[in-house]
Amino acid sequence: MGTPVLGPKPVPDEGTRGTPLIALGERNRSDGQCAAPMVAWQPVRRLSRLEYNNAVRDLFKDTTQPANGFVAEEKVAGFNSNSKTTLSTLGAEQYLEAALGVAERVSEGVGASTGCTSANDKPCIKAWLGNTARKAWRGSLPEEDKKQLLADYDGLASSDATAALQLGVAAILTSGRFLYTVELGAGASGVVPLTGSEIAGRLALTLWRSVPDDALLAAADAGKLDNAAGVQEQARRLVQDRKADAALTDFAQQWLQVERAPGGKDANSFPMFTPALGNAMVEETKRFFLEVARSDKGNFGELLTADYTFANKDVGVLYGASGGNDEFVRTPLPASRRGVLTHASVLANAAHALQTSPVLRGKLVREQLLCDPVAPPPPGTNTTVTPMAGKSDNELFDEHAKGSCAGC
């Protein structure tokens, strides 16, 4: 009898429940593969609509949110991303139209947008264009690109300073360095570190969904982003800034799949539900996530086990509290609820119009928290669970699981 061929040495579960991504990490750690940097190919993706709007707000004080009408991002692993789809003709037209619109508004309010006395103050405008281009291109401004930008401006400024300013702004916003995330690193090949400017750009894009500010670029230029302590110092500063609100809540809403207020609930099955309550549910989750993210003691465990939330009167009544008003205030949770997974927004969105759904909630936990995608049911599988008097949803789904779903 031959010697059996054995697989890799088992790794202690350590609470991972065998999820593929975490199990892979445990194997790599036990095999010593984490001693050297492990990086995957970084996709070159286009900005999201939120990132575009935030960037033009911070660069030009333009709050018109021109990207709201852009083609929507695709979903990649549960999150909005422009990393796979190619740029369509419509998308290119929308980028150009938005850039021209921003450029026109900048020229109409030169002082407020640029800090220069007028479009005719050419030295000031050129300095502003260079500084703005570096921010817009997330910290990286190659000398040849800067020269081309300013040469194009000079070529028109002698005859029409306003048109030259508009050309400069539009050129910045239609550049691939603005529309795409470009990171080349400090090296010729292999695994190479990011430059300080690229780290600044990544920090701003991650924590603000926007462009770096002067302080972040100054830190990069001074070499303060070349070590973990310097990066952490800037990351903490960015998180505490109110500009981080949109980025943090956008992540939380996509991660927990509460991007929209729950709706379409059957009045007989959920008599307390109203559209106002649905909106308040989402607001509760956003405020709670911001609190944990900004707290020095905030961590993943706090998200899942906190005995408090932020509720207004509508949410408070749902949780059995009395009093309150329209303001969202820190509120103790009842003993039956702990952490974000028991928030009404999460439970209501992972449910049906007529009943709750342990299946949708379990799918949410497996896919969004454990990174373990769930395959769709086989064709022809009966996925309908009919409510029945005298039986809870959990009992009904337990019975259903023993029938046509027993094989899964």
Protein backbone atom coordinates (compact mmCIF):
# COMPACT_ATOMS: atom_id res chain seq x y z
CA MET A 1 0.00 0.00 0.00
CA GLY A 2 1.46 3.38 -0.99
CA THR A 3 2.02 6.33 1.27
CA PRO A 4 -1.02 8.61 1.21
CA VAL A 5 -0.52 12.03 -0.30
CA LEU A 6 -1.37 14.63 2.31
CA GLY A 7 -2.50 18.18 1.73
CA PRO A 8 -1.07 21.27 3.40
CA LYS A 9 -0.67 21.16 7.14
CA PRO A 10 -3.97 22.23 8.76
CA VAL A 11 -3.95 25.73 10.23
CA PRO A 12 -5.85 26.45 13.45
CA ASP A 13 -9.17 28.02 12.61
CA GLU A 14 -8.79 30.87 15.13
CA GLY A 15 -12.42 31.81 14.57
CA THR A 16 -12.20 32.18 10.81
CA ARG A 17 -14.86 29.52 10.18
CA GLY A 18 -12.84 28.43 7.17
CA THR A 19 -13.56 31.47 5.02
CA PRO A 20 -11.25 31.36 1.99
CA LEU A 21 -9.68 34.81 2.29
CA ILE A 22 -8.88 34.55 5.99
CA ALA A 23 -7.73 30.94 5.67
CA LEU A 24 -5.33 31.97 2.89
CA GLY A 25 -3.90 34.67 5.12
CA GLU A 26 -3.42 32.19 7.95
CA ARG A 27 -1.61 29.77 5.64
CA ASN A 28 0.68 32.50 4.35
CA ARG A 29 1.43 33.63 7.87
CA SER A 30 2.22 30.12 9.09
CA ASP A 31 4.45 29.48 6.06
CA GLY A 32 6.45 32.65 6.70
CA GLN A 33 5.30 34.33 3.50
CA CYS A 34 4.37 37.56 5.30
CA ALA A 35 7.98 38.46 6.10
CA ALA A 36 8.35 40.32 2.79
CA PRO A 37 5.84 42.74 1.24
CA MET A 38 2.99 40.96 -0.55
CA VAL A 39 1.18 43.11 -3.05
CA ALA A 40 -1.20 42.45 -5.88
CA TRP A 41 -1.45 44.34 -9.14
CA GLN A 42 -3.09 47.68 -8.48
CA PRO A 43 -5.87 48.29 -11.01
CA VAL A 44 -5.96 51.66 -12.75
CA ARG A 45 -9.49 52.78 -12.04
CA ARG A 46 -11.46 55.89 -12.80
CA LEU A 47 -12.77 58.21 -10.12
CA SER A 48 -16.21 57.56 -8.71
CA ARG A 49 -18.93 60.19 -8.91
CA LEU A 50 -18.48 61.00 -5.22
CA GLU A 51 -14.73 61.43 -5.66
CA TYR A 52 -15.19 63.70 -8.67
CA ASN A 53 -17.68 65.92 -6.86
CA ASN A 54 -15.49 66.15 -3.76
CA ALA A 55 -12.42 66.98 -5.86
CA VAL A 56 -14.02 69.91 -7.71
CA ARG A 57 -15.41 71.16 -4.41
CA ASP A 58 -11.97 71.17 -2.77
CA LEU A 59 -10.05 72.39 -5.82
CA PHE A 60 -12.38 75.11 -7.10
CA LYS A 61 -14.96 75.66 -4.33
CA ASP A 62 -17.53 74.32 -6.80
CA THR A 63 -20.45 72.68 -4.98
CA THR A 64 -22.67 72.02 -8.01
CA GLN A 65 -21.85 68.27 -7.92
CA PRO A 66 -21.42 67.94 -11.69
CA ALA A 67 -20.76 64.19 -11.51
CA ASN A 68 -24.24 63.35 -10.26
CA GLY A 69 -25.35 62.77 -13.83
CA PHE A 70 -22.37 60.61 -14.81
CA VAL A 71 -22.77 56.97 -15.80
CA ALA A 72 -23.08 54.97 -12.57
CA GLU A 73 -20.20 52.82 -11.34
CA GLU A 74 -20.36 49.05 -11.51
CA LYS A 75 -20.36 46.85 -8.41
CA VAL A 76 -17.13 44.94 -7.79
CA ALA A 77 -17.11 42.68 -4.72
CA GLY A 78 -20.03 44.64 -3.31
CA PHE A 79 -18.54 48.12 -3.79
CA ASN A 80 -18.87 50.81 -6.43
CA SER A 81 -15.85 50.77 -8.73
CA ASN A 82 -14.73 51.92 -12.15
CA SER A 83 -11.93 49.36 -12.32
CA LYS A 84 -13.33 46.99 -14.96
CA THR A 85 -15.57 48.84 -17.37
CA THR A 86 -14.01 50.80 -20.21
CA LEU A 87 -14.80 54.46 -20.74
CA SER A 88 -17.75 54.82 -23.10
CA THR A 89 -18.32 57.62 -25.57
CA LEU A 90 -21.10 58.93 -23.35
CA GLY A 91 -18.78 58.88 -20.34
CA ALA A 92 -16.09 60.82 -22.22
CA GLU A 93 -18.66 63.41 -23.30
CA GLN A 94 -19.85 63.77 -19.71
CA TYR A 95 -16.28 64.34 -18.48
CA LEU A 96 -15.70 67.04 -21.09
CA GLU A 97 -19.02 68.77 -20.43
CA ALA A 98 -18.42 68.77 -16.67
CA ALA A 99 -14.87 70.12 -17.06
CA LEU A 100 -16.03 72.96 -19.32
CA GLY A 101 -18.80 73.81 -16.86
CA VAL A 102 -16.41 73.96 -13.91
CA ALA A 103 -13.94 76.03 -15.96
CA GLU A 104 -16.63 78.55 -16.84
CA ARG A 105 -17.72 78.90 -13.20
CA VAL A 106 -14.10 79.40 -12.11
CA SER A 107 -13.66 82.21 -14.64
CA GLU A 108 -16.86 83.86 -13.42
CA GLY A 109 -15.60 83.98 -9.86
CA VAL A 110 -11.83 84.22 -10.28
CA GLY A 111 -11.11 85.76 -6.91
CA ALA A 112 -13.10 83.22 -4.90
CA SER A 113 -11.84 80.25 -6.90
CA THR A 114 -8.17 81.14 -7.42
CA GLY A 115 -7.28 83.86 -4.93
CA CYS A 116 -5.98 85.99 -7.80
CA THR A 117 -7.20 89.53 -8.41
CA SER A 118 -8.41 88.75 -11.93
CA ALA A 119 -7.86 86.46 -14.90
CA ASN A 120 -5.38 89.06 -16.18
CA ASP A 121 -3.05 88.46 -13.22
CA LYS A 122 -1.09 85.94 -15.26
CA PRO A 123 1.76 85.15 -12.82
CA CYS A 124 -0.76 84.46 -10.07
CA ILE A 125 -2.95 82.34 -12.36
CA LYS A 126 0.04 80.28 -13.54
CA ALA A 127 1.18 79.61 -9.98
CA TRP A 128 -2.37 78.64 -9.04
CA LEU A 129 -2.69 76.32 -12.03
CA GLY A 130 0.52 74.50 -11.10
CA ASN A 131 -0.51 74.09 -7.47
CA THR A 132 -4.03 73.02 -8.44
CA ALA A 133 -2.78 70.51 -10.99
CA ARG A 134 -0.59 68.82 -8.38
CA LYS A 135 -3.52 68.51 -5.97
CA ALA A 136 -5.90 67.37 -8.72
CA TRP A 137 -3.43 64.73 -9.88
CA ARG A 138 -3.18 63.51 -6.26
CA GLY A 139 0.28 64.76 -5.45
CA SER A 140 2.09 63.88 -8.67
CA LEU A 141 3.00 66.64 -11.12
CA PRO A 142 5.69 65.48 -13.58
CA GLU A 143 7.74 68.38 -14.87
CA GLU A 144 6.89 67.67 -18.52
CA ASP A 145 3.16 67.72 -17.73
CA LYS A 146 3.51 70.98 -15.84
CA LYS A 147 5.42 72.56 -18.71
CA GLN A 148 2.76 71.48 -21.22
CA LEU A 149 -0.07 72.80 -19.03
CA LEU A 150 1.55 76.21 -18.62
CA ALA A 151 2.65 76.38 -22.28
CA ASP A 152 -0.94 75.81 -23.40
CA TYR A 153 -2.05 78.55 -21.00
CA ASP A 154 0.62 80.99 -22.26
CA GLY A 155 -0.32 80.29 -25.86
CA LEU A 156 -3.81 81.67 -25.31
CA ALA A 157 -3.33 84.10 -22.41
CA SER A 158 -1.76 86.79 -24.57
CA SER A 159 -4.99 87.18 -26.54
CA ASP A 160 -7.67 86.04 -24.07
CA ALA A 161 -6.74 85.62 -20.41
CA THR A 162 -10.20 84.34 -19.42
CA ALA A 163 -10.25 81.69 -22.13
CA ALA A 164 -6.70 80.69 -21.14
CA LEU A 165 -7.81 80.19 -17.53
CA GLN A 166 -10.76 78.08 -18.67
CA LEU A 167 -8.44 76.03 -20.88
CA GLY A 168 -6.11 75.37 -17.95
CA VAL A 169 -8.91 74.24 -15.66
CA ALA A 170 -10.46 72.02 -18.32
CA ALA A 171 -7.06 70.50 -19.12
CA ILE A 172 -6.54 69.60 -15.46
CA LEU A 173 -9.97 67.96 -15.19
CA THR A 174 -9.75 65.99 -18.44
CA SER A 175 -6.24 64.70 -17.80
CA GLY A 176 -5.85 60.99 -17.29
CA ARG A 177 -3.92 61.80 -14.12
CA PHE A 178 -7.11 63.28 -12.64
CA LEU A 179 -9.70 60.89 -14.02
CA TYR A 180 -7.66 57.74 -13.27
CA THR A 181 -5.73 56.68 -10.19
CA VAL A 182 -2.13 56.45 -11.42
CA GLU A 183 0.56 55.05 -9.09
CA LEU A 184 3.96 54.22 -10.60
CA GLY A 185 5.99 53.91 -7.41
CA ALA A 186 9.65 54.64 -6.68
CA GLY A 187 11.41 51.94 -8.66
CA ALA A 188 11.85 50.37 -12.06
CA SER A 189 10.38 46.90 -11.59
CA GLY A 190 9.16 44.36 -9.08
CA VAL A 191 7.63 45.33 -5.72
CA VAL A 192 8.42 49.01 -5.24
CA PRO A 193 7.33 51.51 -2.58
CA LEU A 194 4.98 54.35 -3.36
CA THR A 195 6.46 57.83 -3.46
CA GLY A 196 5.56 60.26 -0.70
CA SER A 197 3.28 62.17 -3.08
CA GLU A 198 1.52 58.95 -4.11
CA ILE A 199 0.96 58.06 -0.46
CA ALA A 200 -0.53 61.52 0.07
CA GLY A 201 -2.83 60.96 -2.90
CA ARG A 202 -3.88 57.54 -1.65
CA LEU A 203 -4.57 58.84 1.87
CA ALA A 204 -6.74 61.66 0.53
CA LEU A 205 -8.59 59.40 -1.88
CA THR A 206 -9.22 56.78 0.81
CA LEU A 207 -10.16 58.96 3.77
CA TRP A 208 -11.63 62.01 2.04
CA ARG A 209 -12.57 60.57 -1.35
CA SER A 210 -10.94 63.73 -2.63
CA VAL A 211 -7.58 65.35 -3.35
CA PRO A 212 -4.74 66.06 -0.89
CA ASP A 213 -4.52 69.44 0.83
CA ASP A 214 -1.46 71.63 1.29
CA ALA A 215 -0.59 70.11 4.68
CA LEU A 216 -0.60 66.59 3.29
CA LEU A 217 1.58 67.51 0.33
CA ALA A 218 3.95 69.41 2.63
CA ALA A 219 4.29 66.27 4.74
CA ALA A 220 5.10 64.28 1.61
CA ASP A 221 7.72 66.80 0.48
CA ALA A 222 9.35 66.75 3.92
CA GLY A 223 9.64 62.94 3.86
CA LYS A 224 7.18 62.54 6.71
CA LEU A 225 5.14 59.95 4.79
CA ASP A 226 8.13 57.65 4.34
CA ASN A 227 7.44 55.85 7.62
CA ALA A 228 4.42 54.34 9.35
CA ALA A 229 4.35 56.92 12.17
CA GLY A 230 4.14 59.82 9.73
CA VAL A 231 1.41 58.14 7.70
CA GLN A 232 -0.57 57.41 10.85
CA GLU A 233 -0.28 61.02 12.01
CA GLN A 234 -1.72 62.30 8.74
CA ALA A 235 -4.38 59.59 8.60
CA ARG A 236 -5.63 60.59 12.06
CA ARG A 237 -5.75 64.23 10.98
CA LEU A 238 -7.74 63.40 7.87
CA VAL A 239 -10.22 61.17 9.72
CA GLN A 240 -10.96 63.90 12.28
CA ASP A 241 -11.71 66.43 9.52
CA ARG A 242 -15.38 66.78 8.61
CA LYS A 243 -14.45 66.13 4.97
CA ALA A 244 -14.02 62.48 6.01
CA ASP A 245 -17.74 62.16 6.79
CA ALA A 246 -18.74 61.46 3.19
CA ALA A 247 -15.97 58.90 2.64
CA LEU A 248 -16.55 57.03 5.90
CA THR A 249 -20.33 56.89 5.60
CA ASP A 250 -20.13 55.98 1.91
CA PHE A 251 -17.93 53.02 2.81
CA ALA A 252 -20.19 51.98 5.69
CA GLN A 253 -23.34 52.16 3.58
CA GLN A 254 -21.85 50.08 0.76
CA TRP A 255 -20.24 47.59 3.15
CA LEU A 256 -23.44 47.03 5.14
CA GLN A 257 -25.66 47.36 2.04
CA VAL A 258 -27.68 50.27 3.43
CA GLU A 259 -27.07 52.73 0.60
CA ARG A 260 -30.78 53.38 0.38
CA ALA A 261 -33.41 53.70 3.05
CA PRO A 262 -35.46 50.51 3.35
CA GLY A 263 -38.84 50.79 1.70
CA GLY A 264 -41.78 48.88 0.28
CA LYS A 265 -42.68 47.26 3.61
CA ASP A 266 -46.09 45.68 4.04
CA ALA A 267 -48.15 47.74 6.48
CA ASN A 268 -49.69 44.66 8.11
CA SER A 269 -46.37 42.88 8.60
CA PHE A 270 -44.47 46.02 9.69
CA PRO A 271 -47.07 48.47 11.07
CA MET A 272 -44.48 50.85 12.59
CA PHE A 273 -42.62 51.39 9.34
CA THR A 274 -42.82 54.79 7.61
CA PRO A 275 -40.57 56.45 5.00
CA ALA A 276 -39.38 58.85 7.72
CA LEU A 277 -38.40 55.92 9.91
CA GLY A 278 -36.57 54.32 6.99
CA ASN A 279 -34.46 57.45 6.49
CA ALA A 280 -33.80 57.69 10.23
CA MET A 281 -32.60 54.07 10.28
CA VAL A 282 -29.87 54.85 7.76
CA GLU A 283 -28.90 58.06 9.54
CA GLU A 284 -28.51 56.09 12.78
CA THR A 285 -26.01 53.72 11.17
CA LYS A 286 -24.03 56.55 9.54
CA ARG A 287 -23.66 58.44 12.81
CA PHE A 288 -22.72 55.34 14.77
CA PHE A 289 -20.04 54.37 12.24
CA LEU A 290 -18.55 57.88 12.32
CA GLU A 291 -18.39 57.78 16.11
CA VAL A 292 -16.54 54.46 16.18
CA ALA A 293 -14.21 55.42 13.32
CA ARG A 294 -13.14 58.61 15.07
CA SER A 295 -12.78 57.19 18.56
CA ASP A 296 -9.32 56.30 19.86
CA LYS A 297 -10.91 53.15 21.26
CA GLY A 298 -12.87 52.39 18.11
CA ASN A 299 -12.27 49.01 16.49
CA PHE A 300 -14.05 46.25 14.63
CA GLY A 301 -15.21 44.67 17.88
CA GLU A 302 -16.84 47.93 18.91
CA LEU A 303 -18.78 48.02 15.64
CA LEU A 304 -20.18 44.56 16.30
CA THR A 305 -20.78 44.65 20.06
CA ALA A 306 -21.45 48.26 21.10
CA ASP A 307 -24.31 48.65 23.59
CA TYR A 308 -25.19 52.12 22.32
CA THR A 309 -26.26 53.85 19.13
CA PHE A 310 -27.37 57.28 17.89
CA ALA A 311 -31.12 57.58 17.65
CA ASN A 312 -33.80 60.18 17.17
CA LYS A 313 -37.34 59.80 18.44
CA ASP A 314 -38.45 57.53 15.56
CA VAL A 315 -35.61 55.05 15.99
CA GLY A 316 -35.81 55.29 19.78
CA VAL A 317 -39.49 54.31 19.78
CA LEU A 318 -38.69 51.34 17.52
CA TYR A 319 -36.08 50.22 20.07
CA GLY A 320 -38.47 50.67 22.99
CA ALA A 321 -37.18 54.01 24.27
CA SER A 322 -39.46 56.88 25.27
CA GLY A 323 -39.02 60.60 24.80
CA GLY A 324 -36.54 62.10 22.38
CA ASN A 325 -37.01 64.42 19.41
CA ASP A 326 -35.73 64.89 15.88
CA GLU A 327 -32.10 65.16 17.06
CA PHE A 328 -29.86 62.07 16.92
CA VAL A 329 -28.25 61.53 20.33
CA ARG A 330 -26.23 58.74 21.90
CA THR A 331 -28.77 56.21 23.17
CA PRO A 332 -28.38 52.90 25.07
CA LEU A 333 -29.47 49.85 23.09
CA PRO A 334 -31.93 47.36 24.56
CA ALA A 335 -30.45 44.06 25.71
CA SER A 336 -31.68 42.31 22.55
CA ARG A 337 -29.53 44.51 20.30
CA ARG A 338 -25.77 44.85 20.17
CA GLY A 339 -23.63 46.41 17.45
CA VAL A 340 -24.25 47.50 13.90
CA LEU A 341 -25.60 44.15 12.69
CA THR A 342 -28.67 44.68 14.86
CA HIS A 343 -29.33 48.17 13.52
CA ALA A 344 -32.76 48.51 12.01
CA SER A 345 -31.28 49.73 8.72
CA VAL A 346 -29.25 46.53 8.27
CA LEU A 347 -32.06 44.21 9.33
CA ALA A 348 -34.73 45.98 7.28
CA ASN A 349 -32.66 46.09 4.09
CA ALA A 350 -31.75 42.41 4.46
CA ALA A 351 -35.41 41.46 4.56
CA HIS A 352 -38.48 41.09 2.35
CA ALA A 353 -41.57 43.26 2.09
CA LEU A 354 -43.71 40.76 4.03
CA GLN A 355 -41.22 39.13 6.37
CA THR A 356 -37.72 39.12 7.77
CA SER A 357 -35.06 36.96 6.11
CA PRO A 358 -32.43 34.95 8.01
CA VAL A 359 -31.10 33.89 4.60
CA LEU A 360 -30.42 37.44 3.35
CA ARG A 361 -28.90 38.38 6.70
CA GLY A 362 -26.67 35.32 6.72
CA LYS A 363 -25.62 36.07 3.15
CA LEU A 364 -24.75 39.63 4.19
CA VAL A 365 -22.53 38.39 7.03
CA ARG A 366 -20.77 35.77 4.91
CA GLU A 367 -20.11 38.04 1.94
CA GLN A 368 -19.56 41.47 3.51
CA LEU A 369 -17.88 40.52 6.78
CA LEU A 370 -16.22 37.17 6.03
CA CYS A 371 -15.43 37.76 2.34
CA ASP A 372 -16.99 34.39 1.51
CA PRO A 373 -19.21 34.71 -1.60
CA VAL A 374 -22.37 32.64 -1.61
CA ALA A 375 -23.23 30.87 -4.86
CA PRO A 376 -26.73 31.46 -6.25
CA PRO A 377 -29.26 28.65 -5.73
CA PRO A 378 -29.38 25.96 -8.43
CA PRO A 379 -31.88 26.57 -11.25
CA GLY A 380 -35.38 25.52 -10.33
CA THR A 381 -34.84 25.73 -6.58
CA ASN A 382 -37.89 26.89 -4.65
CA THR A 383 -36.68 29.90 -2.65
CA THR A 384 -40.12 31.02 -1.47
CA VAL A 385 -40.91 30.68 2.22
CA THR A 386 -44.57 31.37 2.91
CA PRO A 387 -45.45 32.98 6.25
CA MET A 388 -47.48 30.67 8.51
CA ALA A 389 -49.47 31.59 11.60
CA GLY A 390 -47.96 30.27 14.82
CA LYS A 391 -44.44 29.85 13.42
CA SER A 392 -41.56 32.28 13.54
CA ASP A 393 -39.50 33.12 10.48
CA ASN A 394 -36.56 31.18 11.91
CA GLU A 395 -38.73 28.07 12.31
CA LEU A 396 -40.05 28.42 8.77
CA PHE A 397 -36.56 28.77 7.30
CA ASP A 398 -35.30 25.82 9.35
CA GLU A 399 -38.00 23.66 7.82
CA HIS A 400 -37.29 25.03 4.34
CA ALA A 401 -33.60 24.20 4.74
CA LYS A 402 -34.48 20.56 5.36
CA GLY A 403 -36.36 20.34 2.08
CA SER A 404 -35.15 21.43 -1.34
CA CYS A 405 -32.25 23.36 0.22
CA ALA A 406 -30.91 20.48 2.29
CA GLY A 407 -28.06 19.81 -0.15
CA CYS A 408 -26.65 23.32 0.47
